[in-house]
Protein backbone atom coordinates (compact mmCIF):
# COMPACT_ATOMS: atom_id res chain seq x y z
CA MET A 1 -89.19 141.51 -15.29
CA GLU A 2 -92.15 143.15 -17.00
CA GLN A 3 -94.60 141.74 -14.45
CA LEU A 4 -92.63 143.17 -11.51
CA LEU A 5 -92.21 146.59 -13.12
CA LEU A 6 -95.94 146.67 -13.84
CA LEU A 7 -96.70 145.61 -10.27
CA ILE A 8 -94.58 148.45 -8.85
CA PHE A 9 -95.56 151.25 -11.19
CA LEU A 10 -99.23 150.46 -11.84
CA PRO A 11 -100.25 152.06 -8.50
CA LEU A 12 -98.10 155.10 -9.32
CA ALA A 13 -99.81 155.51 -12.69
CA GLY A 14 -103.10 154.92 -10.91
CA ALA A 15 -102.25 157.64 -8.39
CA ILE A 16 -101.70 160.15 -11.20
CA ILE A 17 -104.98 159.18 -12.88
CA THR A 18 -106.85 159.24 -9.57
CA ALA A 19 -105.52 162.71 -8.73
CA PHE A 20 -107.44 164.07 -11.73
CA ALA A 21 -110.48 161.80 -11.40
CA GLY A 22 -112.53 164.16 -9.26
CA LYS A 23 -115.66 162.54 -7.81
CA SER A 24 -114.79 159.25 -9.55
CA ALA A 25 -111.53 158.93 -7.58
CA LYS A 26 -112.99 156.32 -5.22
CA ILE A 27 -114.02 154.01 -8.08
CA VAL A 28 -110.83 154.57 -10.10
CA SER A 29 -108.58 153.80 -7.12
CA THR A 30 -110.62 150.68 -6.33
CA VAL A 31 -110.22 149.38 -9.88
CA ILE A 32 -106.48 150.08 -9.90
CA SER A 33 -105.99 148.37 -6.52
CA VAL A 34 -107.99 145.30 -7.56
CA VAL A 35 -106.00 145.00 -10.79
CA SER A 36 -102.79 145.26 -8.72
CA LEU A 37 -104.06 142.47 -6.46
CA GLY A 38 -104.81 140.32 -9.52
CA LEU A 39 -101.28 140.92 -10.81
CA ALA A 40 -99.78 140.05 -7.43
CA LEU A 41 -101.79 136.82 -7.35
CA PHE A 42 -100.62 136.00 -10.88
CA ILE A 43 -97.00 136.47 -9.80
CA ALA A 44 -97.61 134.36 -6.68
CA CYS A 45 -99.13 131.56 -8.76
CA ASN A 46 -96.09 131.55 -11.05
CA PHE A 47 -93.61 131.88 -8.18
CA ILE A 48 -91.40 128.85 -7.50
CA PRO A 49 -91.05 128.54 -3.69
CA ASN A 50 -87.28 128.13 -3.53
CA ALA A 51 -84.43 130.36 -2.36
CA THR A 52 -83.90 132.11 -5.70
CA THR A 53 -84.85 135.68 -6.57
CA GLN A 54 -87.44 135.72 -9.35
CA PHE A 55 -89.12 138.24 -11.68
CA GLU A 56 -85.94 140.34 -11.45
CA ALA A 57 -85.73 143.79 -12.99
CA ASN A 58 -82.13 145.02 -13.19
CA LEU A 59 -81.86 148.22 -15.19
CA PRO A 60 -79.21 150.98 -15.27
CA TRP A 61 -80.23 154.09 -13.38
CA ILE A 62 -77.47 156.39 -12.02
CA SER A 63 -74.48 154.61 -13.49
CA ASP A 64 -71.83 157.06 -12.23
CA LEU A 65 -72.67 156.11 -8.64
CA GLY A 66 -73.23 152.41 -9.31
CA ILE A 67 -76.99 152.75 -8.70
CA ARG A 68 -79.30 150.42 -10.59
CA PHE A 69 -83.04 149.88 -10.55
CA HIS A 70 -82.66 146.34 -9.24
CA ALA A 71 -85.77 144.68 -7.82
CA GLY A 72 -86.85 141.08 -7.40
CA ILE A 73 -89.02 138.72 -5.40
CA ASP A 74 -88.11 135.74 -3.23
CA GLY A 75 -90.17 133.86 -0.64
CA ILE A 76 -89.62 136.52 2.02
CA SER A 77 -90.64 139.46 -0.16
CA MET A 78 -93.47 137.50 -1.84
CA LEU A 79 -95.37 137.35 1.43
CA VAL A 80 -95.27 141.11 2.11
CA VAL A 81 -95.96 141.91 -1.56
CA LEU A 82 -99.13 139.83 -1.28
CA LEU A 83 -100.02 141.51 2.02
CA THR A 84 -99.60 145.00 0.52
CA ASN A 85 -101.65 144.31 -2.58
CA LEU A 86 -104.32 142.49 -0.55
CA LEU A 87 -104.81 145.20 2.05
CA ILE A 88 -104.81 148.26 -0.24
CA PRO A 89 -108.16 147.39 -1.95
CA ILE A 90 -109.61 146.38 1.44
CA ILE A 91 -108.54 149.73 2.92
CA ILE A 92 -110.00 151.64 -0.02
CA LEU A 93 -113.28 149.70 0.21
CA SER A 94 -113.43 150.41 3.94
CA SER A 95 -113.56 154.13 3.17
CA TYR A 96 -116.70 153.97 1.03
CA LYS A 97 -118.95 155.19 3.87
CA HIS A 98 -116.76 158.25 4.37
CA ASP A 99 -117.01 161.47 2.43
CA TYR A 100 -113.47 162.77 2.69
CA LYS A 101 -112.78 166.31 1.56
CA ASN A 102 -110.79 166.31 -1.70
CA PRO A 103 -111.17 162.54 -2.28
CA ALA A 104 -108.99 162.59 -5.42
CA ALA A 105 -105.94 163.60 -3.38
CA PHE A 106 -106.80 161.14 -0.59
CA TYR A 107 -107.00 158.07 -2.84
CA ALA A 108 -104.08 159.18 -5.00
CA LEU A 109 -101.90 159.35 -1.88
CA ILE A 110 -102.90 155.79 -0.90
CA LEU A 111 -101.87 154.46 -4.33
CA PHE A 112 -98.66 156.49 -4.28
CA MET A 113 -97.85 154.96 -0.91
CA GLN A 114 -98.46 151.51 -2.39
CA THR A 115 -95.67 152.06 -4.91
CA GLY A 116 -93.28 153.16 -2.14
CA LEU A 117 -94.12 150.06 -0.09
CA LEU A 118 -93.58 147.74 -3.06
CA LEU A 119 -90.21 149.35 -3.75
CA VAL A 120 -89.18 148.63 -0.16
CA PHE A 121 -90.33 145.01 -0.32
CA THR A 122 -88.67 144.20 -3.68
CA ALA A 123 -85.51 146.37 -3.74
CA MET A 124 -82.23 144.55 -4.37
CA ASP A 125 -80.33 147.85 -4.40
CA ALA A 126 -79.83 149.77 -1.13
CA PHE A 127 -80.35 153.16 -2.76
CA LEU A 128 -83.63 151.97 -4.30
CA PHE A 129 -84.63 150.57 -0.90
CA TYR A 130 -84.00 153.98 0.69
CA ILE A 131 -85.97 155.78 -2.02
CA GLY A 132 -88.94 153.46 -1.41
CA TRP A 133 -88.56 153.90 2.36
CA GLU A 134 -88.87 157.68 2.07
CA ALA A 135 -91.49 157.56 -0.70
CA ALA A 136 -93.81 155.56 1.56
CA LEU A 137 -93.48 158.15 4.34
CA ILE A 138 -94.53 161.19 2.28
CA PRO A 139 -98.14 160.17 1.48
CA ILE A 140 -98.94 158.86 4.95
CA TYR A 141 -97.70 162.15 6.42
CA PHE A 142 -100.13 164.13 4.27
CA ILE A 143 -102.98 161.65 4.85
CA CYS A 144 -102.60 162.09 8.61
CA ALA A 145 -102.00 165.86 8.39
CA PHE A 146 -104.96 166.72 6.14
CA TRP A 147 -107.57 164.17 7.20
CA GLY A 148 -106.55 163.41 10.78
CA GLY A 149 -108.37 164.26 13.98
CA LYS A 150 -107.85 166.69 16.81
CA ASP A 151 -104.28 167.90 17.47
CA ARG A 152 -103.15 166.12 14.30
CA ILE A 153 -100.46 168.67 13.38
CA ARG A 154 -98.48 168.28 16.62
CA ILE A 155 -98.90 164.50 16.64
CA ASN A 156 -97.99 164.18 12.99
CA MET A 157 -94.88 166.31 13.44
CA LYS A 158 -93.69 163.97 16.20
CA PHE A 159 -94.24 160.99 13.91
CA PHE A 160 -92.39 162.73 11.07
CA VAL A 161 -89.41 163.72 13.24
CA TYR A 162 -89.08 160.18 14.63
CA THR A 163 -89.17 158.50 11.23
CA ILE A 164 -86.90 161.02 9.49
CA ALA A 165 -84.34 160.75 12.29
CA GLY A 166 -84.34 156.96 11.94
CA SER A 167 -84.05 157.25 8.15
CA LEU A 168 -80.96 159.48 8.46
CA PHE A 169 -79.24 156.88 10.65
CA MET A 170 -79.99 154.23 8.04
CA LEU A 171 -78.74 156.48 5.23
CA MET A 172 -75.42 156.91 7.04
CA GLY A 173 -75.14 153.14 7.32
CA ILE A 174 -75.91 152.66 3.62
CA ILE A 175 -73.32 155.26 2.58
CA TYR A 176 -70.68 153.64 4.79
CA LEU A 177 -71.39 150.22 3.30
CA TYR A 178 -71.15 151.73 -0.20
CA LEU A 179 -67.73 153.21 0.62
CA GLN A 180 -66.52 149.83 1.91
CA ASN A 181 -67.72 148.05 -1.23
CA PRO A 182 -64.90 147.57 -3.78
CA ALA A 183 -67.49 147.18 -6.55
CA ASN A 184 -68.70 150.76 -5.89
CA ASN A 185 -72.39 149.90 -6.06
CA PHE A 186 -75.38 149.52 -3.75
CA GLU A 187 -76.21 145.90 -4.66
CA ILE A 188 -77.59 143.90 -1.75
CA GLN A 189 -75.48 140.84 -2.59
CA ALA A 190 -72.34 143.01 -2.61
CA PHE A 191 -73.27 144.30 0.85
CA TYR A 192 -73.86 140.71 2.00
CA ALA A 193 -70.35 139.80 0.81
CA LEU A 194 -68.55 142.61 2.67
CA ASN A 195 -66.00 141.41 5.20
CA LEU A 196 -66.58 143.82 8.09
CA ASP A 197 -65.03 143.41 11.52
CA SER A 198 -67.09 143.25 14.70
CA ALA A 199 -66.67 146.93 15.55
CA GLN A 200 -67.87 148.03 12.11
CA GLN A 201 -70.80 145.64 12.26
CA GLY A 202 -71.72 146.93 15.70
CA TRP A 203 -72.23 150.55 14.72
CA ILE A 204 -73.88 149.66 11.41
CA PHE A 205 -76.26 147.44 13.38
CA TRP A 206 -77.39 150.45 15.40
CA ALA A 207 -77.64 152.70 12.32
CA PHE A 208 -80.10 150.27 10.73
CA PHE A 209 -81.74 148.98 13.90
CA ILE A 210 -82.82 152.42 15.11
CA ALA A 211 -84.53 153.13 11.76
CA PHE A 212 -86.30 149.77 11.75
CA ALA A 213 -87.18 149.86 15.47
CA ILE A 214 -88.87 153.26 15.08
CA LYS A 215 -90.92 152.07 12.15
CA MET A 216 -92.07 148.82 13.79
CA PRO A 217 -92.13 150.25 16.57
CA ILE A 218 -90.52 148.50 19.54
CA PHE A 219 -89.79 149.81 23.01
CA PRO A 220 -88.50 152.51 23.66
CA PHE A 221 -88.93 153.86 20.10
CA HIS A 222 -92.71 153.47 20.21
CA THR A 223 -93.91 156.74 21.76
CA TRP A 224 -95.08 158.25 18.45
CA GLN A 225 -97.37 155.32 17.70
CA PRO A 226 -100.44 155.44 20.02
CA ASP A 227 -101.14 159.14 19.39
CA THR A 228 -100.58 158.80 15.64
CA TYR A 229 -102.83 155.74 15.34
CA THR A 230 -105.55 157.53 17.29
CA ALA A 231 -105.36 160.89 15.49
CA ALA A 232 -104.98 159.50 11.96
CA PRO A 233 -108.07 158.87 9.82
CA THR A 234 -109.05 155.20 10.02
CA GLN A 235 -107.63 154.37 6.59
CA GLY A 236 -104.36 156.07 7.59
CA THR A 237 -104.25 153.99 10.76
CA MET A 238 -104.84 150.86 8.67
CA LEU A 239 -101.97 151.76 6.34
CA LEU A 240 -99.64 152.42 9.28
CA SER A 241 -100.54 149.33 11.31
CA GLY A 242 -101.41 146.88 8.54
CA ILE A 243 -98.54 147.50 6.14
CA MET A 244 -96.13 150.28 7.04
CA LEU A 245 -94.84 148.80 10.29
CA LYS A 246 -93.97 145.66 8.29
CA MET A 247 -91.31 147.78 6.55
CA GLY A 248 -89.30 147.72 9.79
CA ILE A 249 -89.75 143.99 10.33
CA TYR A 250 -88.85 143.26 6.71
CA GLY A 251 -85.82 145.55 6.95
CA VAL A 252 -84.45 143.62 9.92
CA ILE A 253 -84.84 140.30 8.11
CA ARG A 254 -83.70 141.39 4.65
CA TRP A 255 -80.95 143.90 5.44
CA LEU A 256 -79.84 143.74 9.07
CA LEU A 257 -79.37 140.02 9.67
CA PRO A 258 -77.37 139.10 6.52
CA ILE A 259 -75.23 142.26 6.33
CA VAL A 260 -74.10 142.52 9.98
CA PRO A 261 -74.70 139.10 11.58
CA ALA A 262 -71.87 139.64 14.10
CA GLY A 263 -73.43 142.95 15.12
CA VAL A 264 -76.78 141.21 15.49
CA GLN A 265 -75.19 138.43 17.52
CA ASP A 266 -73.43 140.93 19.80
CA TRP A 267 -76.54 143.00 20.41
CA SER A 268 -79.29 140.37 20.06
CA CYS A 269 -79.59 140.01 23.82
CA LEU A 270 -80.35 143.72 24.22
CA ALA A 271 -82.73 143.64 21.25
CA MET A 272 -84.47 140.63 22.79
CA ILE A 273 -84.79 142.41 26.15
CA LEU A 274 -86.24 145.55 24.52
CA SER A 275 -88.71 143.42 22.55
CA ILE A 276 -89.88 141.55 25.65
CA ILE A 277 -90.13 144.76 27.70
CA GLY A 278 -92.29 146.14 24.91
CA ILE A 279 -94.58 143.11 25.08
CA VAL A 280 -95.19 143.42 28.82
CA TYR A 281 -95.23 147.23 28.91
CA ALA A 282 -97.68 147.65 26.00
CA SER A 283 -99.94 144.89 27.37
CA LEU A 284 -100.12 146.50 30.80
CA ILE A 285 -100.84 149.92 29.26
CA ALA A 286 -103.54 148.33 27.08
CA PHE A 287 -105.32 147.14 30.25
CA THR A 288 -105.76 150.76 31.37
CA GLN A 289 -107.06 152.19 28.09
CA LYS A 290 -110.56 153.62 28.01
CA ASP A 291 -110.40 154.38 24.27
CA ALA A 292 -110.79 151.25 22.10
CA LYS A 293 -108.61 152.63 19.31
CA ARG A 294 -105.72 153.32 21.69
CA LEU A 295 -106.16 149.85 23.20
CA VAL A 296 -105.70 148.28 19.76
CA ALA A 297 -102.69 150.55 19.15
CA TYR A 298 -100.96 149.27 22.29
CA SER A 299 -101.91 145.67 21.48
CA SER A 300 -100.14 146.15 18.16
CA ILE A 301 -96.95 147.17 19.99
CA ALA A 302 -97.16 144.00 22.07
CA HIS A 303 -97.64 141.77 19.02
CA VAL A 304 -94.80 143.44 17.15
CA GLY A 305 -92.60 142.96 20.22
CA LEU A 306 -93.17 139.21 19.96
CA ILE A 307 -92.37 139.28 16.23
CA SER A 308 -89.14 141.16 16.97
CA ALA A 309 -88.21 138.67 19.69
CA GLY A 310 -88.74 135.80 17.25
CA ILE A 311 -86.45 137.42 14.69
CA PHE A 312 -83.62 138.01 17.17
CA ALA A 313 -83.87 134.43 18.37
CA LEU A 314 -82.01 133.74 15.09
CA ASN A 315 -83.54 130.37 14.30
CA GLN A 316 -85.81 128.86 11.66
CA GLN A 317 -88.95 128.79 13.80
CA GLY A 318 -88.59 132.38 14.94
CA LEU A 319 -88.01 133.76 11.46
CA GLN A 320 -90.80 131.78 9.83
CA GLY A 321 -93.10 132.72 12.65
CA ALA A 322 -92.24 136.39 12.07
CA MET A 323 -93.03 136.09 8.37
CA VAL A 324 -96.38 134.39 8.91
CA GLN A 325 -97.33 136.70 11.75
CA MET A 326 -96.58 139.77 9.61
CA LEU A 327 -99.33 138.67 7.27
CA SER A 328 -101.74 137.63 10.02
CA HIS A 329 -101.20 140.77 12.08
CA GLY A 330 -101.81 142.95 9.02
CA ILE A 331 -105.14 141.28 8.30
CA ASN A 332 -106.30 141.25 11.92
CA VAL A 333 -105.36 144.80 12.84
CA VAL A 334 -107.06 146.21 9.74
CA GLY A 335 -110.19 144.27 10.73
CA LEU A 336 -110.06 145.64 14.28
CA PHE A 337 -109.66 149.24 13.21
CA PHE A 338 -112.43 148.90 10.64
CA VAL A 339 -114.88 147.57 13.21
CA LEU A 340 -114.00 150.45 15.55
CA ASP A 341 -114.49 152.86 12.66
CA ILE A 342 -117.98 151.43 12.04
CA ILE A 343 -118.82 151.82 15.72
CA PHE A 344 -117.50 155.39 15.78
CA SER A 345 -119.41 156.34 12.63
CA ARG A 346 -122.68 155.33 14.32
CA THR A 347 -122.06 156.45 17.91
CA LYS A 348 -119.39 159.19 17.52
CA THR A 349 -117.33 157.63 20.30
CA ASN A 350 -114.67 155.01 20.85
CA LYS A 351 -114.87 155.28 24.64
CA ILE A 352 -115.39 151.73 25.90
CA GLU A 353 -117.42 152.79 28.94
CA GLU A 354 -119.89 154.72 26.74
CA LEU A 355 -120.74 151.66 24.62
CA GLY A 356 -122.46 148.34 25.26
CA GLY A 357 -125.20 146.06 23.97
CA ILE A 358 -124.30 146.52 20.30
CA ALA A 359 -124.66 142.77 19.65
CA LYS A 360 -128.40 143.01 20.27
CA ALA A 361 -128.83 145.62 17.57
CA ALA A 362 -126.12 144.37 15.20
CA PRO A 363 -125.68 140.58 15.47
CA GLN A 364 -123.72 140.29 12.20
CA LEU A 365 -121.22 142.87 13.37
CA ALA A 366 -120.93 141.05 16.70
CA ILE A 367 -120.07 137.77 14.95
CA VAL A 368 -117.44 139.15 12.58
CA PHE A 369 -115.93 141.29 15.35
CA LEU A 370 -115.61 138.19 17.53
CA ILE A 371 -113.85 136.29 14.73
CA VAL A 372 -111.36 139.17 14.30
CA VAL A 373 -110.76 139.34 18.06
CA LEU A 374 -110.20 135.57 18.25
CA GLY A 375 -107.71 135.79 15.39
CA THR A 376 -105.92 138.59 17.24
CA VAL A 377 -105.63 136.57 20.45
CA ALA A 378 -104.32 133.57 18.46
CA LEU A 379 -107.09 131.07 19.08
CA PRO A 380 -106.17 127.71 17.48
CA GLY A 381 -107.84 127.48 14.09
CA THR A 382 -107.37 131.18 13.36
CA ASN A 383 -104.58 132.84 11.40
CA GLY A 384 -102.93 134.29 14.51
CA PHE A 385 -102.22 130.90 16.05
CA ILE A 386 -99.58 129.40 13.77
CA GLY A 387 -97.45 132.55 13.69
CA GLU A 388 -97.46 133.04 17.46
CA PHE A 389 -96.84 129.32 18.03
CA LEU A 390 -93.73 129.42 15.82
CA LEU A 391 -92.56 132.69 17.38
CA LEU A 392 -92.82 131.29 20.91
CA MET A 393 -91.07 128.10 19.80
CA GLY A 394 -88.26 130.20 18.33
CA VAL A 395 -87.94 132.31 21.49
CA TYR A 396 -88.06 129.12 23.62
CA ASN A 397 -85.10 127.74 21.67
CA TYR A 398 -83.32 131.01 22.46
CA GLY A 399 -84.11 130.86 26.18
CA ILE A 400 -86.87 129.39 28.32
CA TRP A 401 -87.26 132.49 30.50
CA ALA A 402 -87.49 134.73 27.46
CA ALA A 403 -90.28 132.50 26.12
CA ALA A 404 -92.08 132.46 29.48
CA ILE A 405 -92.20 136.27 29.61
CA ALA A 406 -92.85 136.75 25.88
CA GLY A 407 -95.74 134.29 26.14
CA LEU A 408 -97.52 136.76 28.39
CA THR A 409 -98.58 138.60 25.24
CA ILE A 410 -101.04 135.77 24.51
CA ILE A 411 -102.47 135.71 28.04
CA PHE A 412 -102.64 139.48 28.44
CA GLY A 413 -103.94 139.95 24.90
CA ALA A 414 -106.78 137.49 25.47
CA VAL A 415 -107.80 139.28 28.66
CA TYR A 416 -107.86 142.89 27.44
CA MET A 417 -109.23 142.11 23.96
CA LEU A 418 -112.06 139.90 25.20
CA ARG A 419 -112.85 142.34 27.99
CA MET A 420 -113.04 145.13 25.42
CA TYR A 421 -115.34 142.99 23.27
CA GLN A 422 -117.57 142.21 26.24
CA ASN A 423 -117.90 145.85 27.30
CA VAL A 424 -118.53 147.13 23.77
CA MET A 425 -120.73 144.42 22.26
CA LEU A 426 -122.50 142.71 25.18
CA GLY A 427 -124.56 143.90 28.15
CA LYS A 428 -127.36 146.42 28.02
CA THR A 429 -127.89 148.96 25.27
CA ASN A 430 -127.81 152.65 26.08
CA GLU A 431 -128.91 155.85 24.37
CA LEU A 432 -125.91 155.69 22.00
CA THR A 433 -126.29 152.06 20.97
CA ILE A 434 -130.02 151.41 21.07
CA THR A 435 -130.46 152.71 17.51
CA PHE A 436 -127.27 151.04 16.23
CA THR A 437 -127.70 149.59 12.72
CA ASP A 438 -126.04 146.40 11.51
CA ILE A 439 -123.34 146.24 8.85
CA GLN A 440 -124.35 146.52 5.22
CA GLY A 441 -122.93 146.98 1.72
CA THR A 442 -119.17 147.41 1.56
CA GLU A 443 -118.93 146.99 5.33
CA LYS A 444 -120.12 143.40 4.95
CA LEU A 445 -117.84 142.79 1.98
CA VAL A 446 -114.71 144.00 3.78
CA LEU A 447 -115.40 142.17 7.03
CA TYR A 448 -116.46 138.94 5.32
CA ILE A 449 -113.20 138.92 3.31
CA ILE A 450 -111.16 139.52 6.48
CA CYS A 451 -113.01 136.80 8.42
CA ALA A 452 -112.59 134.34 5.54
CA LEU A 453 -108.84 135.00 5.51
CA ILE A 454 -108.63 134.58 9.29
CA ILE A 455 -110.32 131.18 9.13
CA VAL A 456 -108.77 129.82 5.92
CA LEU A 457 -105.19 130.77 6.87
CA GLY A 458 -105.78 129.43 10.37
CA VAL A 459 -107.09 126.07 9.19
CA TYR A 460 -104.61 125.67 6.33
CA PRO A 461 -101.40 127.73 6.83
CA LYS A 462 -99.20 125.32 4.83
CA PRO A 463 -99.00 127.50 1.66
CA LEU A 464 -97.58 130.41 3.69
CA LEU A 465 -95.01 128.20 5.38
CA HIS A 466 -94.06 126.56 2.10
CA LEU A 467 -93.72 129.94 0.42
CA THR A 468 -91.17 131.27 2.92
CA GLU A 469 -89.35 128.13 4.12
CA ALA A 470 -86.60 127.90 1.49
CA SER A 471 -85.80 131.62 1.56
CA VAL A 472 -85.65 131.69 5.37
CA GLN A 473 -83.35 128.65 5.43
CA HIS A 474 -81.09 130.24 2.83
CA LEU A 475 -80.93 133.48 4.79
CA LEU A 476 -79.97 131.65 7.99
CA GLU A 477 -77.28 129.74 6.10
CA GLN A 478 -75.87 133.04 4.84
CA VAL A 479 -75.87 134.46 8.34
CA ASN A 480 -74.18 131.41 9.90
CA GLN A 481 -71.62 131.19 7.11
CA LYS A 482 -70.70 134.84 7.50
CA LEU A 483 -70.41 134.54 11.28
CA THR A 484 -67.67 131.95 10.89
CA SER A 485 -65.62 134.33 8.71
CA VAL A 486 -65.86 137.47 10.89
CA LYS A 487 -62.53 138.63 12.23
């Protein structure tokens, strides 16, 4: 219990310290994030990869309403806890070349967001889950609003309205489940045990699904994403794409599937169609992008569409593929956005047609960028391969035509990502790129760590699969058992 409480609240304490650290905020936040990563690795090393919930903290909170501070870790949450604590120090290190105005507030908000994310990924109480869900939104809103680019206020307001609207739908669903619960509490296991009829499960499905679909995002709830990713500061974009969208994926797996399996079964076909439309639509839009950052934003929608399709296939391969791909996508997309940030910092542009020949001036950057791109397009031997392979296998078991169309994400992704790489890194240098300098210092450190993860997890993914297998099997058993008892 103590380890989990420390894991959750260490970043919050670090955020308070960082807020008053002045010019030392960058170093203080780095130390706090690295200590958090060490603690997460300690928990992972002592985690037993079975279906049980471990390191539980179950403390009274608002007793009159049956609300408890109940958090714990199983194989499903362990993976996203590791992802969160791994990416936060990487994101902070990636900012070292930037001189953000009011750095104490900037880094304090990142650490505050980390606590909100960890609450979401460990909550065993629906009220606590909702608190974490909203707590993670507040800092990213201010990060984008204060340090974002052109037209950031309008874009950020759209993002805020979308996410708040989705959150309100989810809150209505949580309150309804609480009122149906004879134990008068928000415990996740009590919600799992509720005997709801198909009609009730149907509308609760939509209350939760809309919130999760906006956060992921999947078609047609995605329209806030490309503008927000482009206008946000690079570290904000990394937080949104690398970790925050995983809140929606995790929510579907942890809360939607086991609570309303009949609702999921009734609407899985529509969810599958929306996911596949998102894959094809985002891929086609990515082909037309002239801005590299927007291209990566649309590629993220396509990859998340495949993850969503794998989840709604409702089988072991699809769910395990979704879990592994959450981790891989987080690592790869942070690497992509960091490389684009390096290019922008030197050339002041992300326009693909204005770049070219960078590999001649920066061969180390060219190599690491290629490794990140290959991981993104799921080349065998990289971290993206095993997740996408399992996802496509899961969708194939759902339906061959669904798999055939969903598989286009791999073909399309390879074409537009490699074409972008060719136009940016190869060819002749121009007046913007002829003086381009190669990566150095923290840039090397961040990109070398990311490339090492891409290769190691691609060559040896067994620990990730072993970590999640028992929990995914148990979840599917719960879903199937509950389906047989629905009225």
